[in-house]
Amino acid sequence: MSICQSCGAHLEDGTIHFGTNADGTQNTDYCDSCWHGGRFTDDLTLEEMVLRQTPYIVEASPGLGERQAHDMLRAFLPNLKRWHT
């Protein structure tokens, strides 16, 4: 399974599309919400991405609280290509 290396979205479920490089080719590392035309669509910090993605995790995971989703993202996102230091 392929995931966006910025937000963690699953890229193979058909609802999330791959981003595009500056030359218009498909970029398989990032989704189109995060990467378009060879650049990130938003200049976010890691914590801003955590806050942006938390509601999506809560919605997709019945029974998971907001704090749990936030903590899960805080542990997971730093391992992705965009945030890995």
PDB file of N, CA and C in Angstrom:
ATOM      1  N   MET A   1       0.842  -1.173   0.000  1.00  0.00           N
ATOM      2  CA  MET A   1       0.000   0.000   0.000  1.00  0.00           C
ATOM      3  C   MET A   1       0.888   1.238   0.000  1.00  0.00           C
ATOM      4  N   SER A   2       0.545   2.167  -0.847  1.00  0.00           N
ATOM      5  CA  SER A   2       1.303   3.403  -0.961  1.00  0.00           C
ATOM      6  C   SER A   2       0.595   4.503  -0.175  1.00  0.00           C
ATOM      7  N   ILE A   3       1.385   5.294   0.541  1.00  0.00           N
ATOM      8  CA  ILE A   3       0.808   6.406   1.294  1.00  0.00           C
ATOM      9  C   ILE A   3       1.526   7.697   0.932  1.00  0.00           C
ATOM     10  N   CYS A   4       0.813   8.796   1.052  1.00  0.00           N
ATOM     11  CA  CYS A   4       1.415  10.100   0.821  1.00  0.00           C
ATOM     12  C   CYS A   4       2.497  10.336   1.863  1.00  0.00           C
ATOM     13  N   GLN A   5       3.658  10.730   1.410  1.00  0.00           N
ATOM     14  CA  GLN A   5       4.796  10.946   2.290  1.00  0.00           C
ATOM     15  C   GLN A   5       4.773  12.317   2.959  1.00  0.00           C
ATOM     16  N   SER A   6       3.613  12.958   2.939  1.00  0.00           N
ATOM     17  CA  SER A   6       3.417  14.222   3.639  1.00  0.00           C
ATOM     18  C   SER A   6       2.292  14.110   4.666  1.00  0.00           C
ATOM     19  N   CYS A   7       1.116  13.632   4.223  1.00  0.00           N
ATOM     20  CA  CYS A   7      -0.054  13.583   5.107  1.00  0.00           C
ATOM     21  C   CYS A   7      -0.432  12.184   5.556  1.00  0.00           C
ATOM     22  N   GLY A   8       0.093  11.150   4.896  1.00  0.00           N
ATOM     23  CA  GLY A   8      -0.197   9.777   5.279  1.00  0.00           C
ATOM     24  C   GLY A   8      -1.424   9.179   4.621  1.00  0.00           C
ATOM     25  N   ALA A   9      -2.072   9.905   3.705  1.00  0.00           N
ATOM     26  CA  ALA A   9      -3.259   9.391   3.024  1.00  0.00           C
ATOM     27  C   ALA A   9      -2.899   8.167   2.190  1.00  0.00           C
ATOM     28  N   HIS A  10      -3.814   7.198   2.147  1.00  0.00           N
ATOM     29  CA  HIS A  10      -3.627   6.009   1.320  1.00  0.00           C
ATOM     30  C   HIS A  10      -3.841   6.388  -0.134  1.00  0.00           C
ATOM     31  N   LEU A  11      -2.846   6.148  -0.959  1.00  0.00           N
ATOM     32  CA  LEU A  11      -2.905   6.559  -2.356  1.00  0.00           C
ATOM     33  C   LEU A  11      -3.516   5.513  -3.274  1.00  0.00           C
ATOM     34  N   GLU A  12      -3.714   4.313  -2.796  1.00  0.00           N
ATOM     35  CA  GLU A  12      -4.186   3.249  -3.668  1.00  0.00           C
ATOM     36  C   GLU A  12      -5.664   2.948  -3.540  1.00  0.00           C
ATOM     37  N   ASP A  13      -6.412   3.747  -2.784  1.00  0.00           N
ATOM     38  CA  ASP A  13      -7.830   3.433  -2.633  1.00  0.00           C
ATOM     39  C   ASP A  13      -8.701   4.032  -3.722  1.00  0.00           C
ATOM     40  N   GLY A  14      -8.097   4.782  -4.649  1.00  0.00           N
ATOM     41  CA  GLY A  14      -8.825   5.328  -5.773  1.00  0.00           C
ATOM     42  C   GLY A  14      -9.470   6.679  -5.517  1.00  0.00           C
ATOM     43  N   THR A  15      -9.589   7.086  -4.266  1.00  0.00           N
ATOM     44  CA  THR A  15     -10.210   8.382  -3.975  1.00  0.00           C
ATOM     45  C   THR A  15      -9.162   9.473  -3.814  1.00  0.00           C
ATOM     46  N   ILE A  16      -7.931   9.093  -3.534  1.00  0.00           N
ATOM     47  CA  ILE A  16      -6.827  10.037  -3.389  1.00  0.00           C
ATOM     48  C   ILE A  16      -5.951   9.901  -4.634  1.00  0.00           C
ATOM     49  N   HIS A  17      -5.632  11.005  -5.255  1.00  0.00           N
ATOM     50  CA  HIS A  17      -4.842  10.982  -6.483  1.00  0.00           C
ATOM     51  C   HIS A  17      -3.402  11.404  -6.207  1.00  0.00           C
ATOM     52  N   PHE A  18      -2.501  10.896  -7.020  1.00  0.00           N
ATOM     53  CA  PHE A  18      -1.098  11.247  -6.906  1.00  0.00           C
ATOM     54  C   PHE A  18      -0.890  12.710  -7.280  1.00  0.00           C
ATOM     55  N   GLY A  19       0.129  13.322  -6.685  1.00  0.00           N
ATOM     56  CA  GLY A  19       0.506  14.689  -7.024  1.00  0.00           C
ATOM     57  C   GLY A  19       1.207  14.731  -8.368  1.00  0.00           C
ATOM     58  N   THR A  20       1.542  15.941  -8.799  1.00  0.00           N
ATOM     59  CA  THR A  20       2.222  16.109 -10.086  1.00  0.00           C
ATOM     60  C   THR A  20       3.535  16.862  -9.898  1.00  0.00           C
ATOM     61  N   ASN A  21       4.504  16.488 -10.711  1.00  0.00           N
ATOM     62  CA  ASN A  21       5.792  17.164 -10.732  1.00  0.00           C
ATOM     63  C   ASN A  21       5.687  18.427 -11.587  1.00  0.00           C
ATOM     64  N   ALA A  22       6.731  19.220 -11.600  1.00  0.00           N
ATOM     65  CA  ALA A  22       6.750  20.466 -12.365  1.00  0.00           C
ATOM     66  C   ALA A  22       6.525  20.219 -13.863  1.00  0.00           C
ATOM     67  N   ASP A  23       6.971  19.073 -14.362  1.00  0.00           N
ATOM     68  CA  ASP A  23       6.802  18.762 -15.786  1.00  0.00           C
ATOM     69  C   ASP A  23       5.466  18.087 -16.100  1.00  0.00           C
ATOM     70  N   GLY A  24       4.595  17.974 -15.092  1.00  0.00           N
ATOM     71  CA  GLY A  24       3.276  17.381 -15.286  1.00  0.00           C
ATOM     72  C   GLY A  24       3.203  15.888 -15.063  1.00  0.00           C
ATOM     73  N   THR A  25       4.348  15.238 -14.849  1.00  0.00           N
ATOM     74  CA  THR A  25       4.334  13.801 -14.603  1.00  0.00           C
ATOM     75  C   THR A  25       3.825  13.516 -13.197  1.00  0.00           C
ATOM     76  N   GLN A  26       3.371  12.304 -13.020  1.00  0.00           N
ATOM     77  CA  GLN A  26       2.842  11.875 -11.730  1.00  0.00           C
ATOM     78  C   GLN A  26       3.952  11.721 -10.701  1.00  0.00           C
ATOM     79  N   ASN A  27       3.691  12.174  -9.489  1.00  0.00           N
ATOM     80  CA  ASN A  27       4.625  11.993  -8.382  1.00  0.00           C
ATOM     81  C   ASN A  27       3.998  10.983  -7.431  1.00  0.00           C
ATOM     82  N   THR A  28       4.629   9.841  -7.291  1.00  0.00           N
ATOM     83  CA  THR A  28       4.043   8.760  -6.500  1.00  0.00           C
ATOM     84  C   THR A  28       4.375   8.852  -5.013  1.00  0.00           C
ATOM     85  N   ASP A  29       5.126   9.864  -4.604  1.00  0.00           N
ATOM     86  CA  ASP A  29       5.421  10.042  -3.179  1.00  0.00           C
ATOM     87  C   ASP A  29       4.344  10.830  -2.449  1.00  0.00           C
ATOM     88  N   TYR A  30       3.646  11.699  -3.159  1.00  0.00           N
ATOM     89  CA  TYR A  30       2.725  12.629  -2.517  1.00  0.00           C
ATOM     90  C   TYR A  30       1.357  12.647  -3.199  1.00  0.00           C
ATOM     91  N   CYS A  31       0.316  12.938  -2.422  1.00  0.00           N
ATOM     92  CA  CYS A  31      -1.026  13.081  -2.974  1.00  0.00           C
ATOM     93  C   CYS A  31      -1.192  14.463  -3.599  1.00  0.00           C
ATOM     94  N   ASP A  32      -2.244  14.630  -4.384  1.00  0.00           N
ATOM     95  CA  ASP A  32      -2.453  15.911  -5.059  1.00  0.00           C
ATOM     96  C   ASP A  32      -2.876  17.020  -4.101  1.00  0.00           C
ATOM     97  N   SER A  33      -3.305  16.669  -2.902  1.00  0.00           N
ATOM     98  CA  SER A  33      -3.624  17.698  -1.904  1.00  0.00           C
ATOM     99  C   SER A  33      -2.350  18.301  -1.304  1.00  0.00           C
ATOM    100  N   CYS A  34      -1.278  17.528  -1.305  1.00  0.00           N
ATOM    101  CA  CYS A  34      -0.018  17.980  -0.706  1.00  0.00           C
ATOM    102  C   CYS A  34       0.997  18.470  -1.738  1.00  0.00           C
ATOM    103  N   TRP A  35       0.953  17.919  -2.953  1.00  0.00           N
ATOM    104  CA  TRP A  35       2.005  18.199  -3.948  1.00  0.00           C
ATOM    105  C   TRP A  35       1.375  18.456  -5.305  1.00  0.00           C
ATOM    106  N   HIS A  36       1.648  19.606  -5.889  1.00  0.00           N
ATOM    107  CA  HIS A  36       1.092  19.935  -7.207  1.00  0.00           C
ATOM    108  C   HIS A  36       2.091  20.818  -7.950  1.00  0.00           C
ATOM    109  N   GLY A  37       2.366  20.428  -9.179  1.00  0.00           N
ATOM    110  CA  GLY A  37       3.264  21.226 -10.009  1.00  0.00           C
ATOM    111  C   GLY A  37       4.692  21.273  -9.500  1.00  0.00           C
ATOM    112  N   GLY A  38       5.105  20.225  -8.790  1.00  0.00           N
ATOM    113  CA  GLY A  38       6.481  20.145  -8.320  1.00  0.00           C
ATOM    114  C   GLY A  38       6.759  20.859  -7.014  1.00  0.00           C
ATOM    115  N   ARG A  39       5.704  21.193  -6.273  1.00  0.00           N
ATOM    116  CA  ARG A  39       5.910  21.869  -4.988  1.00  0.00           C
ATOM    117  C   ARG A  39       4.781  21.520  -4.027  1.00  0.00           C
ATOM    118  N   PHE A  40       5.065  21.701  -2.744  1.00  0.00           N
ATOM    119  CA  PHE A  40       4.037  21.470  -1.744  1.00  0.00           C
ATOM    120  C   PHE A  40       2.955  22.533  -1.880  1.00  0.00           C
ATOM    121  N   THR A  41       1.717  22.127  -1.710  1.00  0.00           N
ATOM    122  CA  THR A  41       0.596  23.045  -1.869  1.00  0.00           C
ATOM    123  C   THR A  41       0.456  23.989  -0.688  1.00  0.00           C
ATOM    124  N   ASP A  42       0.929  23.575   0.476  1.00  0.00           N
ATOM    125  CA  ASP A  42       0.867  24.401   1.678  1.00  0.00           C
ATOM    126  C   ASP A  42       2.216  24.389   2.379  1.00  0.00           C
ATOM    127  N   ASP A  43       2.578  25.514   2.934  1.00  0.00           N
ATOM    128  CA  ASP A  43       3.796  25.621   3.734  1.00  0.00           C
ATOM    129  C   ASP A  43       3.413  25.388   5.191  1.00  0.00           C
ATOM    130  N   LEU A  44       3.325  24.112   5.560  1.00  0.00           N
ATOM    131  CA  LEU A  44       2.881  23.727   6.893  1.00  0.00           C
ATOM    132  C   LEU A  44       4.039  23.234   7.744  1.00  0.00           C
ATOM    133  N   THR A  45       3.901  23.399   9.042  1.00  0.00           N
ATOM    134  CA  THR A  45       4.805  22.737   9.967  1.00  0.00           C
ATOM    135  C   THR A  45       4.256  21.336  10.228  1.00  0.00           C
ATOM    136  N   LEU A  46       5.055  20.514  10.827  1.00  0.00           N
ATOM    137  CA  LEU A  46       4.609  19.174  11.193  1.00  0.00           C
ATOM    138  C   LEU A  46       3.386  19.254  12.099  1.00  0.00           C
ATOM    139  N   GLU A  47       3.420  20.115  13.096  1.00  0.00           N
ATOM    140  CA  GLU A  47       2.294  20.216  14.025  1.00  0.00           C
ATOM    141  C   GLU A  47       1.030  20.696  13.312  1.00  0.00           C
ATOM    142  N   GLU A  48       1.165  21.591  12.345  1.00  0.00           N
ATOM    143  CA  GLU A  48       0.002  22.034  11.568  1.00  0.00           C
ATOM    144  C   GLU A  48      -0.582  20.883  10.751  1.00  0.00           C
ATOM    145  N   MET A  49       0.280  20.019  10.234  1.00  0.00           N
ATOM    146  CA  MET A  49      -0.208  18.855   9.491  1.00  0.00           C
ATOM    147  C   MET A  49      -0.931  17.897  10.434  1.00  0.00           C
ATOM    148  N   VAL A  50      -0.386  17.703  11.614  1.00  0.00           N
ATOM    149  CA  VAL A  50      -1.052  16.851  12.609  1.00  0.00           C
ATOM    150  C   VAL A  50      -2.454  17.384  12.891  1.00  0.00           C
ATOM    151  N   LEU A  51      -2.559  18.670  13.123  1.00  0.00           N
ATOM    152  CA  LEU A  51      -3.857  19.282  13.416  1.00  0.00           C
ATOM    153  C   LEU A  51      -4.804  19.193  12.224  1.00  0.00           C
ATOM    154  N   ARG A  52      -4.278  19.332  11.025  1.00  0.00           N
ATOM    155  CA  ARG A  52      -5.115  19.247   9.821  1.00  0.00           C
ATOM    156  C   ARG A  52      -5.648  17.841   9.601  1.00  0.00           C
ATOM    157  N   GLN A  53      -4.832  16.843   9.881  1.00  0.00           N
ATOM    158  CA  GLN A  53      -5.210  15.457   9.605  1.00  0.00           C
ATOM    159  C   GLN A  53      -6.019  14.802  10.731  1.00  0.00           C
ATOM    160  N   THR A  54      -5.954  15.332  11.931  1.00  0.00           N
ATOM    161  CA  THR A  54      -6.640  14.709  13.066  1.00  0.00           C
ATOM    162  C   THR A  54      -8.127  14.460  12.808  1.00  0.00           C
ATOM    163  N   PRO A  55      -8.899  15.435  12.312  1.00  0.00           N
ATOM    164  CA  PRO A  55     -10.326  15.159  12.074  1.00  0.00           C
ATOM    165  C   PRO A  55     -10.580  14.018  11.094  1.00  0.00           C
ATOM    166  N   TYR A  56      -9.712  13.854  10.094  1.00  0.00           N
ATOM    167  CA  TYR A  56      -9.875  12.770   9.130  1.00  0.00           C
ATOM    168  C   TYR A  56      -9.669  11.405   9.788  1.00  0.00           C
ATOM    169  N   ILE A  57      -8.706  11.332  10.684  1.00  0.00           N
ATOM    170  CA  ILE A  57      -8.453  10.072  11.394  1.00  0.00           C
ATOM    171  C   ILE A  57      -9.616   9.751  12.323  1.00  0.00           C
ATOM    172  N   VAL A  58     -10.121  10.739  13.028  1.00  0.00           N
ATOM    173  CA  VAL A  58     -11.267  10.531  13.928  1.00  0.00           C
ATOM    174  C   VAL A  58     -12.472  10.052  13.123  1.00  0.00           C
ATOM    175  N   GLU A  59     -12.732  10.684  11.982  1.00  0.00           N
ATOM    176  CA  GLU A  59     -13.878  10.303  11.137  1.00  0.00           C
ATOM    177  C   GLU A  59     -13.735   8.882  10.598  1.00  0.00           C
ATOM    178  N   ALA A  60     -12.529   8.506  10.234  1.00  0.00           N
ATOM    179  CA  ALA A  60     -12.290   7.190   9.633  1.00  0.00           C
ATOM    180  C   ALA A  60     -12.187   6.073  10.662  1.00  0.00           C
ATOM    181  N   SER A  61     -12.062   6.434  11.941  1.00  0.00           N
ATOM    182  CA  SER A  61     -11.843   5.434  12.989  1.00  0.00           C
ATOM    183  C   SER A  61     -12.851   5.611  14.119  1.00  0.00           C
ATOM    184  N   PRO A  62     -14.066   5.082  13.943  1.00  0.00           N
ATOM    185  CA  PRO A  62     -15.072   5.205  15.004  1.00  0.00           C
ATOM    186  C   PRO A  62     -14.540   4.683  16.336  1.00  0.00           C
ATOM    187  N   GLY A  63     -14.789   5.444  17.375  1.00  0.00           N
ATOM    188  CA  GLY A  63     -14.336   5.050  18.701  1.00  0.00           C
ATOM    189  C   GLY A  63     -12.982   5.622  19.078  1.00  0.00           C
ATOM    190  N   LEU A  64     -12.281   6.173  18.113  1.00  0.00           N
ATOM    191  CA  LEU A  64     -10.982   6.776  18.389  1.00  0.00           C
ATOM    192  C   LEU A  64     -11.199   8.245  18.730  1.00  0.00           C
ATOM    193  N   GLY A  65     -10.715   8.653  19.862  1.00  0.00           N
ATOM    194  CA  GLY A  65     -10.882  10.028  20.299  1.00  0.00           C
ATOM    195  C   GLY A  65      -9.917  10.967  19.601  1.00  0.00           C
ATOM    196  N   GLU A  66     -10.224  12.250  19.692  1.00  0.00           N
ATOM    197  CA  GLU A  66      -9.389  13.265  19.055  1.00  0.00           C
ATOM    198  C   GLU A  66      -7.967  13.256  19.611  1.00  0.00           C
ATOM    199  N   ARG A  67      -7.831  13.122  20.910  1.00  0.00           N
ATOM    200  CA  ARG A  67      -6.501  13.095  21.537  1.00  0.00           C
ATOM    201  C   ARG A  67      -5.704  11.889  21.058  1.00  0.00           C
ATOM    202  N   GLN A  68      -6.373  10.739  20.974  1.00  0.00           N
ATOM    203  CA  GLN A  68      -5.693   9.532  20.499  1.00  0.00           C
ATOM    204  C   GLN A  68      -5.236   9.697  19.053  1.00  0.00           C
ATOM    205  N   ALA A  69      -6.104  10.255  18.208  1.00  0.00           N
ATOM    206  CA  ALA A  69      -5.758  10.470  16.803  1.00  0.00           C
ATOM    207  C   ALA A  69      -4.583  11.435  16.690  1.00  0.00           C
ATOM    208  N   HIS A  70      -4.624  12.495  17.473  1.00  0.00           N
ATOM    209  CA  HIS A  70      -3.540  13.483  17.470  1.00  0.00           C
ATOM    210  C   HIS A  70      -2.222  12.812  17.866  1.00  0.00           C
ATOM    211  N   ASP A  71      -2.234  12.045  18.933  1.00  0.00           N
ATOM    212  CA  ASP A  71      -1.022  11.380  19.404  1.00  0.00           C
ATOM    213  C   ASP A  71      -0.507  10.365  18.385  1.00  0.00           C
ATOM    214  N   MET A  72      -1.436   9.665  17.748  1.00  0.00           N
ATOM    215  CA  MET A  72      -1.052   8.686  16.737  1.00  0.00           C
ATOM    216  C   MET A  72      -0.362   9.378  15.557  1.00  0.00           C
ATOM    217  N   LEU A  73      -0.938  10.475  15.084  1.00  0.00           N
ATOM    218  CA  LEU A  73      -0.330  11.224  13.985  1.00  0.00           C
ATOM    219  C   LEU A  73       1.008  11.823  14.392  1.00  0.00           C
ATOM    220  N   ARG A  74       1.093  12.301  15.615  1.00  0.00           N
ATOM    221  CA  ARG A  74       2.335  12.903  16.124  1.00  0.00           C
ATOM    222  C   ARG A  74       3.468  11.878  16.137  1.00  0.00           C
ATOM    223  N   ALA A  75       3.132  10.612  16.338  1.00  0.00           N
ATOM    224  CA  ALA A  75       4.138   9.547  16.326  1.00  0.00           C
ATOM    225  C   ALA A  75       4.434   9.060  14.902  1.00  0.00           C
ATOM    226  N   PHE A  76       3.429   9.086  14.023  1.00  0.00           N
ATOM    227  CA  PHE A  76       3.548   8.513  12.682  1.00  0.00           C
ATOM    228  C   PHE A  76       4.140   9.473  11.646  1.00  0.00           C
ATOM    229  N   LEU A  77       3.631  10.687  11.576  1.00  0.00           N
ATOM    230  CA  LEU A  77       4.030  11.611  10.506  1.00  0.00           C
ATOM    231  C   LEU A  77       5.529  11.925  10.457  1.00  0.00           C
ATOM    232  N   PRO A  78       6.234  12.041  11.582  1.00  0.00           N
ATOM    233  CA  PRO A  78       7.674  12.348  11.487  1.00  0.00           C
ATOM    234  C   PRO A  78       8.491  11.295  10.738  1.00  0.00           C
ATOM    235  N   ASN A  79       7.921  10.105  10.539  1.00  0.00           N
ATOM    236  CA  ASN A  79       8.615   9.050   9.813  1.00  0.00           C
ATOM    237  C   ASN A  79       8.459   9.161   8.297  1.00  0.00           C
ATOM    238  N   LEU A  80       7.580  10.053   7.843  1.00  0.00           N
ATOM    239  CA  LEU A  80       7.353  10.201   6.422  1.00  0.00           C
ATOM    240  C   LEU A  80       8.430  11.094   5.789  1.00  0.00           C
ATOM    241  N   LYS A  81       8.622  10.907   4.491  1.00  0.00           N
ATOM    242  CA  LYS A  81       9.697  11.580   3.743  1.00  0.00           C
ATOM    243  C   LYS A  81       9.737  13.097   3.962  1.00  0.00           C
ATOM    244  N   ARG A  82       8.573  13.765   3.941  1.00  0.00           N
ATOM    245  CA  ARG A  82       8.549  15.221   4.077  1.00  0.00           C
ATOM    246  C   ARG A  82       9.062  15.673   5.442  1.00  0.00           C
ATOM    247  N   TRP A  83       8.793  14.908   6.473  1.00  0.00           N
ATOM    248  CA  TRP A  83       9.069  15.349   7.833  1.00  0.00           C
ATOM    249  C   TRP A  83      10.292  14.667   8.446  1.00  0.00           C
ATOM    250  N   HIS A  84      10.782  13.620   7.807  1.00  0.00           N
ATOM    251  CA  HIS A  84      11.904  12.867   8.375  1.00  0.00           C
ATOM    252  C   HIS A  84      13.174  13.715   8.350  1.00  0.00           C
ATOM    253  N   THR A  85      13.779  13.882   9.504  1.00  0.00           N
ATOM    254  CA  THR A  85      15.013  14.678   9.591  1.00  0.00           C
ATOM    255  C   THR A  85      16.186  13.810   9.949  1.00  0.00           C
TER     256      THR A  85
END
